[in-house]
Amino acid sequence: MRCKDYSVRQILIGLDRIGIVGLYDALQAAEASGLENREALVDLMLEVLRPKNYIPDEHVEAYRVALWRELLRHRGQDFRALYSEIPVTVCGEPGPDRERFVEAATAALAVFELRPVVSFAPPQGEGPNPQLIIGGELIARGPQSRRSMESAVRRSLSDW
């Protein structure tokens, strides 16, 4: 018989990385249950997790989405539709450069299981455009490859 899982795993709840205890146990309980209904599976996972974790009532729906995403990940299924949405602003003139910039930002954010909700604004200030703004902070500017955009996003994650 396997011991209980007391390890802490970080998962994305909305736009926050939250540490939870016993995720492996919750995933195993879901798999062993024979249940197929999404709501029933997530209810079971919450039942397993609640004794070891504080889950505020106002965040239960965000936890439900995150736990379903974790179960799909555990099963090796596609969970991209469950990425957390993040509002972003792209400043710059319309055209191919801005389109490539948005594609690079979208790909970089997907690495962190985030889906941008993009709004556009005119070019801002001196210096290179387009610019990526998240949470009021300038994250990247000028032409970007996916790799450089990913690096810029990674550096800024702790500020969200």
C-alpha atoms as a PDB file:
ATOM      1  CA  MET A   1       0.000   0.000   0.000  1.00  0.00           C
ATOM      2  CA  ARG A   2       1.268   3.448  -0.923  1.00  0.00           C
ATOM      3  CA  CYS A   3       1.755   6.151   1.702  1.00  0.00           C
ATOM      4  CA  LYS A   4      -0.307   9.320   1.548  1.00  0.00           C
ATOM      5  CA  ASP A   5       1.078  12.096  -0.636  1.00  0.00           C
ATOM      6  CA  TYR A   6       2.168  15.090   1.454  1.00  0.00           C
ATOM      7  CA  SER A   7       4.205  16.739  -1.275  1.00  0.00           C
ATOM      8  CA  VAL A   8       3.352  20.250  -2.372  1.00  0.00           C
ATOM      9  CA  ARG A   9       2.663  20.751  -6.078  1.00  0.00           C
ATOM     10  CA  GLN A  10       2.154  24.127  -7.676  1.00  0.00           C
ATOM     11  CA  ILE A  11      -0.787  24.558 -10.008  1.00  0.00           C
ATOM     12  CA  LEU A  12      -2.187  27.582 -11.776  1.00  0.00           C
ATOM     13  CA  ILE A  13      -5.394  28.847 -10.162  1.00  0.00           C
ATOM     14  CA  GLY A  14      -6.556  31.708 -12.353  1.00  0.00           C
ATOM     15  CA  LEU A  15      -3.340  33.725 -12.726  1.00  0.00           C
ATOM     16  CA  ASP A  16      -1.795  32.621  -9.419  1.00  0.00           C
ATOM     17  CA  ARG A  17       0.538  29.707  -8.811  1.00  0.00           C
ATOM     18  CA  ILE A  18      -0.781  27.975  -5.690  1.00  0.00           C
ATOM     19  CA  GLY A  19       0.853  25.150  -3.775  1.00  0.00           C
ATOM     20  CA  ILE A  20      -1.470  22.279  -2.899  1.00  0.00           C
ATOM     21  CA  VAL A  21      -0.856  19.141  -0.882  1.00  0.00           C
ATOM     22  CA  GLY A  22      -2.065  15.732  -2.036  1.00  0.00           C
ATOM     23  CA  LEU A  23      -2.684  16.341  -5.732  1.00  0.00           C
ATOM     24  CA  TYR A  24      -1.330  12.893  -6.614  1.00  0.00           C
ATOM     25  CA  ASP A  25      -3.799  11.284  -4.165  1.00  0.00           C
ATOM     26  CA  ALA A  26      -6.666  13.290  -5.680  1.00  0.00           C
ATOM     27  CA  LEU A  27      -5.685  12.241  -9.208  1.00  0.00           C
ATOM     28  CA  GLN A  28      -5.410   8.606  -8.159  1.00  0.00           C
ATOM     29  CA  ALA A  29      -8.812   8.733  -6.434  1.00  0.00           C
ATOM     30  CA  ALA A  30     -10.354  10.209  -9.579  1.00  0.00           C
ATOM     31  CA  GLU A  31      -8.833   7.488 -11.769  1.00  0.00           C
ATOM     32  CA  ALA A  32      -9.887   4.688  -9.407  1.00  0.00           C
ATOM     33  CA  SER A  33     -13.433   5.996  -8.978  1.00  0.00           C
ATOM     34  CA  GLY A  34     -14.770   4.807 -12.315  1.00  0.00           C
ATOM     35  CA  LEU A  35     -16.562   8.144 -12.658  1.00  0.00           C
ATOM     36  CA  GLU A  36     -16.714   9.776 -16.075  1.00  0.00           C
ATOM     37  CA  ASN A  37     -18.667  12.965 -15.403  1.00  0.00           C
ATOM     38  CA  ARG A  38     -16.446  16.055 -15.147  1.00  0.00           C
ATOM     39  CA  GLU A  39     -18.363  17.592 -12.242  1.00  0.00           C
ATOM     40  CA  ALA A  40     -18.371  14.345 -10.246  1.00  0.00           C
ATOM     41  CA  LEU A  41     -14.648  13.822 -10.811  1.00  0.00           C
ATOM     42  CA  VAL A  42     -13.789  17.356  -9.727  1.00  0.00           C
ATOM     43  CA  ASP A  43     -16.096  17.033  -6.687  1.00  0.00           C
ATOM     44  CA  LEU A  44     -14.195  13.901  -5.678  1.00  0.00           C
ATOM     45  CA  MET A  45     -10.829  15.608  -6.145  1.00  0.00           C
ATOM     46  CA  LEU A  46     -11.970  18.551  -4.009  1.00  0.00           C
ATOM     47  CA  GLU A  47     -13.143  16.131  -1.325  1.00  0.00           C
ATOM     48  CA  VAL A  48      -9.681  14.543  -1.223  1.00  0.00           C
ATOM     49  CA  LEU A  49      -7.851  17.895  -1.229  1.00  0.00           C
ATOM     50  CA  ARG A  50      -9.910  19.952   1.230  1.00  0.00           C
ATOM     51  CA  PRO A  51      -8.689  18.303   4.456  1.00  0.00           C
ATOM     52  CA  LYS A  52      -5.061  19.239   3.608  1.00  0.00           C
ATOM     53  CA  ASN A  53      -5.600  22.560   1.813  1.00  0.00           C
ATOM     54  CA  TYR A  54      -7.390  25.838   2.398  1.00  0.00           C
ATOM     55  CA  ILE A  55      -9.699  26.478  -0.549  1.00  0.00           C
ATOM     56  CA  PRO A  56     -11.561  29.783  -0.138  1.00  0.00           C
ATOM     57  CA  ASP A  57     -15.223  29.632  -1.158  1.00  0.00           C
ATOM     58  CA  GLU A  58     -14.763  32.526  -3.576  1.00  0.00           C
ATOM     59  CA  HIS A  59     -12.052  30.584  -5.446  1.00  0.00           C
ATOM     60  CA  VAL A  60     -13.781  27.208  -5.711  1.00  0.00           C
ATOM     61  CA  GLU A  61     -14.742  27.718  -9.377  1.00  0.00           C
ATOM     62  CA  ALA A  62     -11.150  28.593 -10.313  1.00  0.00           C
ATOM     63  CA  TYR A  63      -9.989  25.471  -8.431  1.00  0.00           C
ATOM     64  CA  ARG A  64     -12.544  23.374 -10.303  1.00  0.00           C
ATOM     65  CA  VAL A  65     -11.121  24.506 -13.661  1.00  0.00           C
ATOM     66  CA  ALA A  66      -7.542  23.981 -12.461  1.00  0.00           C
ATOM     67  CA  LEU A  67      -8.248  20.499 -11.099  1.00  0.00           C
ATOM     68  CA  TRP A  68      -9.939  19.427 -14.323  1.00  0.00           C
ATOM     69  CA  ARG A  69      -6.912  20.744 -16.230  1.00  0.00           C
ATOM     70  CA  GLU A  70      -4.615  18.737 -13.919  1.00  0.00           C
ATOM     71  CA  LEU A  71      -6.658  15.575 -14.454  1.00  0.00           C
ATOM     72  CA  LEU A  72      -6.499  16.021 -18.233  1.00  0.00           C
ATOM     73  CA  ARG A  73      -2.728  16.603 -17.971  1.00  0.00           C
ATOM     74  CA  HIS A  74      -2.417  13.444 -15.830  1.00  0.00           C
ATOM     75  CA  ARG A  75      -4.288  11.489 -18.506  1.00  0.00           C
ATOM     76  CA  GLY A  76      -2.136  12.921 -21.295  1.00  0.00           C
ATOM     77  CA  GLN A  77      -5.098  14.715 -22.881  1.00  0.00           C
ATOM     78  CA  ASP A  78      -5.202  18.139 -24.510  1.00  0.00           C
ATOM     79  CA  PHE A  79      -6.044  20.841 -21.963  1.00  0.00           C
ATOM     80  CA  ARG A  80      -5.186  23.980 -23.943  1.00  0.00           C
ATOM     81  CA  ALA A  81      -8.812  25.117 -23.849  1.00  0.00           C
ATOM     82  CA  LEU A  82      -8.394  25.438 -20.059  1.00  0.00           C
ATOM     83  CA  TYR A  83      -5.418  27.799 -20.099  1.00  0.00           C
ATOM     84  CA  SER A  84      -5.949  30.788 -17.812  1.00  0.00           C
ATOM     85  CA  GLU A  85      -6.867  33.961 -19.654  1.00  0.00           C
ATOM     86  CA  ILE A  86      -4.637  36.971 -19.153  1.00  0.00           C
ATOM     87  CA  PRO A  87      -5.409  40.460 -20.456  1.00  0.00           C
ATOM     88  CA  VAL A  88      -2.554  41.936 -22.488  1.00  0.00           C
ATOM     89  CA  THR A  89      -2.120  45.104 -24.514  1.00  0.00           C
ATOM     90  CA  VAL A  90      -0.041  45.237 -27.665  1.00  0.00           C
ATOM     91  CA  CYS A  91       0.986  48.739 -28.688  1.00  0.00           C
ATOM     92  CA  GLY A  92       2.080  49.411 -32.229  1.00  0.00           C
ATOM     93  CA  GLU A  93       1.007  50.053 -35.774  1.00  0.00           C
ATOM     94  CA  PRO A  94      -1.119  47.375 -37.447  1.00  0.00           C
ATOM     95  CA  GLY A  95       0.764  45.217 -39.886  1.00  0.00           C
ATOM     96  CA  PRO A  96       2.904  42.123 -40.246  1.00  0.00           C
ATOM     97  CA  ASP A  97       5.395  43.152 -37.524  1.00  0.00           C
ATOM     98  CA  ARG A  98       2.638  43.504 -34.955  1.00  0.00           C
ATOM     99  CA  GLU A  99       1.037  40.233 -36.098  1.00  0.00           C
ATOM    100  CA  ARG A 100       4.355  38.361 -35.668  1.00  0.00           C
ATOM    101  CA  PHE A 101       4.789  40.012 -32.273  1.00  0.00           C
ATOM    102  CA  VAL A 102       1.320  38.841 -31.152  1.00  0.00           C
ATOM    103  CA  GLU A 103       2.087  35.316 -32.407  1.00  0.00           C
ATOM    104  CA  ALA A 104       5.349  35.268 -30.423  1.00  0.00           C
ATOM    105  CA  ALA A 105       3.580  36.559 -27.302  1.00  0.00           C
ATOM    106  CA  THR A 106       0.775  34.002 -27.660  1.00  0.00           C
ATOM    107  CA  ALA A 107       3.284  31.151 -28.054  1.00  0.00           C
ATOM    108  CA  ALA A 108       5.380  32.359 -25.104  1.00  0.00           C
ATOM    109  CA  LEU A 109       2.356  32.710 -22.815  1.00  0.00           C
ATOM    110  CA  ALA A 110       1.141  29.226 -23.806  1.00  0.00           C
ATOM    111  CA  VAL A 111       4.336  27.786 -22.322  1.00  0.00           C
ATOM    112  CA  PHE A 112       3.019  29.054 -18.970  1.00  0.00           C
ATOM    113  CA  GLU A 113      -0.518  27.785 -19.687  1.00  0.00           C
ATOM    114  CA  LEU A 114      -1.795  31.307 -20.272  1.00  0.00           C
ATOM    115  CA  ARG A 115      -4.045  32.465 -23.110  1.00  0.00           C
ATOM    116  CA  PRO A 116      -3.808  36.178 -23.915  1.00  0.00           C
ATOM    117  CA  VAL A 117      -6.892  38.307 -24.333  1.00  0.00           C
ATOM    118  CA  VAL A 118      -5.337  40.921 -26.594  1.00  0.00           C
ATOM    119  CA  SER A 119      -6.314  44.545 -26.885  1.00  0.00           C
ATOM    120  CA  PHE A 120      -4.482  46.887 -29.219  1.00  0.00           C
ATOM    121  CA  ALA A 121      -3.254  50.435 -28.627  1.00  0.00           C
ATOM    122  CA  PRO A 122      -1.328  52.929 -30.726  1.00  0.00           C
ATOM    123  CA  PRO A 123       2.477  53.015 -30.500  1.00  0.00           C
ATOM    124  CA  GLN A 124       3.743  54.343 -27.167  1.00  0.00           C
ATOM    125  CA  GLY A 125       6.736  56.505 -26.412  1.00  0.00           C
ATOM    126  CA  GLU A 126      10.215  56.435 -27.774  1.00  0.00           C
ATOM    127  CA  GLY A 127      11.901  53.199 -28.635  1.00  0.00           C
ATOM    128  CA  PRO A 128      10.957  50.085 -30.503  1.00  0.00           C
ATOM    129  CA  ASN A 129       7.411  49.004 -31.132  1.00  0.00           C
ATOM    130  CA  PRO A 130       5.379  46.804 -30.925  1.00  0.00           C
ATOM    131  CA  GLN A 131       5.254  46.577 -27.143  1.00  0.00           C
ATOM    132  CA  LEU A 132       3.685  43.976 -24.864  1.00  0.00           C
ATOM    133  CA  ILE A 133       2.069  45.296 -21.698  1.00  0.00           C
ATOM    134  CA  ILE A 134       0.731  43.003 -18.977  1.00  0.00           C
ATOM    135  CA  GLY A 135      -0.667  44.304 -15.725  1.00  0.00           C
ATOM    136  CA  GLY A 136       0.404  47.828 -16.622  1.00  0.00           C
ATOM    137  CA  GLU A 137       4.049  46.753 -16.981  1.00  0.00           C
ATOM    138  CA  LEU A 138       6.077  46.802 -20.182  1.00  0.00           C
ATOM    139  CA  ILE A 139       7.176  43.196 -20.720  1.00  0.00           C
ATOM    140  CA  ALA A 140       8.760  43.248 -24.176  1.00  0.00           C
ATOM    141  CA  ARG A 141       9.339  45.676 -27.009  1.00  0.00           C
ATOM    142  CA  GLY A 142      10.427  45.550 -30.593  1.00  0.00           C
ATOM    143  CA  PRO A 143      10.773  42.507 -32.799  1.00  0.00           C
ATOM    144  CA  GLN A 144      10.876  39.328 -30.707  1.00  0.00           C
ATOM    145  CA  SER A 145      11.465  35.679 -31.426  1.00  0.00           C
ATOM    146  CA  ARG A 146       9.411  33.156 -29.495  1.00  0.00           C
ATOM    147  CA  ARG A 147      12.459  32.355 -27.373  1.00  0.00           C
ATOM    148  CA  SER A 148      13.218  35.984 -26.443  1.00  0.00           C
ATOM    149  CA  MET A 149       9.526  36.624 -25.762  1.00  0.00           C
ATOM    150  CA  GLU A 150       9.358  33.548 -23.527  1.00  0.00           C
ATOM    151  CA  SER A 151      12.385  34.792 -21.602  1.00  0.00           C
ATOM    152  CA  ALA A 152      10.794  38.237 -21.134  1.00  0.00           C
ATOM    153  CA  VAL A 153       7.535  36.663 -19.916  1.00  0.00           C
ATOM    154  CA  ARG A 154       9.400  34.351 -17.514  1.00  0.00           C
ATOM    155  CA  ARG A 155      11.282  37.323 -15.978  1.00  0.00           C
ATOM    156  CA  SER A 156       8.044  39.183 -15.398  1.00  0.00           C
ATOM    157  CA  LEU A 157       5.889  36.355 -13.962  1.00  0.00           C
ATOM    158  CA  SER A 158       6.576  37.193 -10.338  1.00  0.00           C
ATOM    159  CA  ASP A 159       5.209  40.711 -10.850  1.00  0.00           C
ATOM    160  CA  TRP A 160       1.708  39.578 -11.812  1.00  0.00           C
END
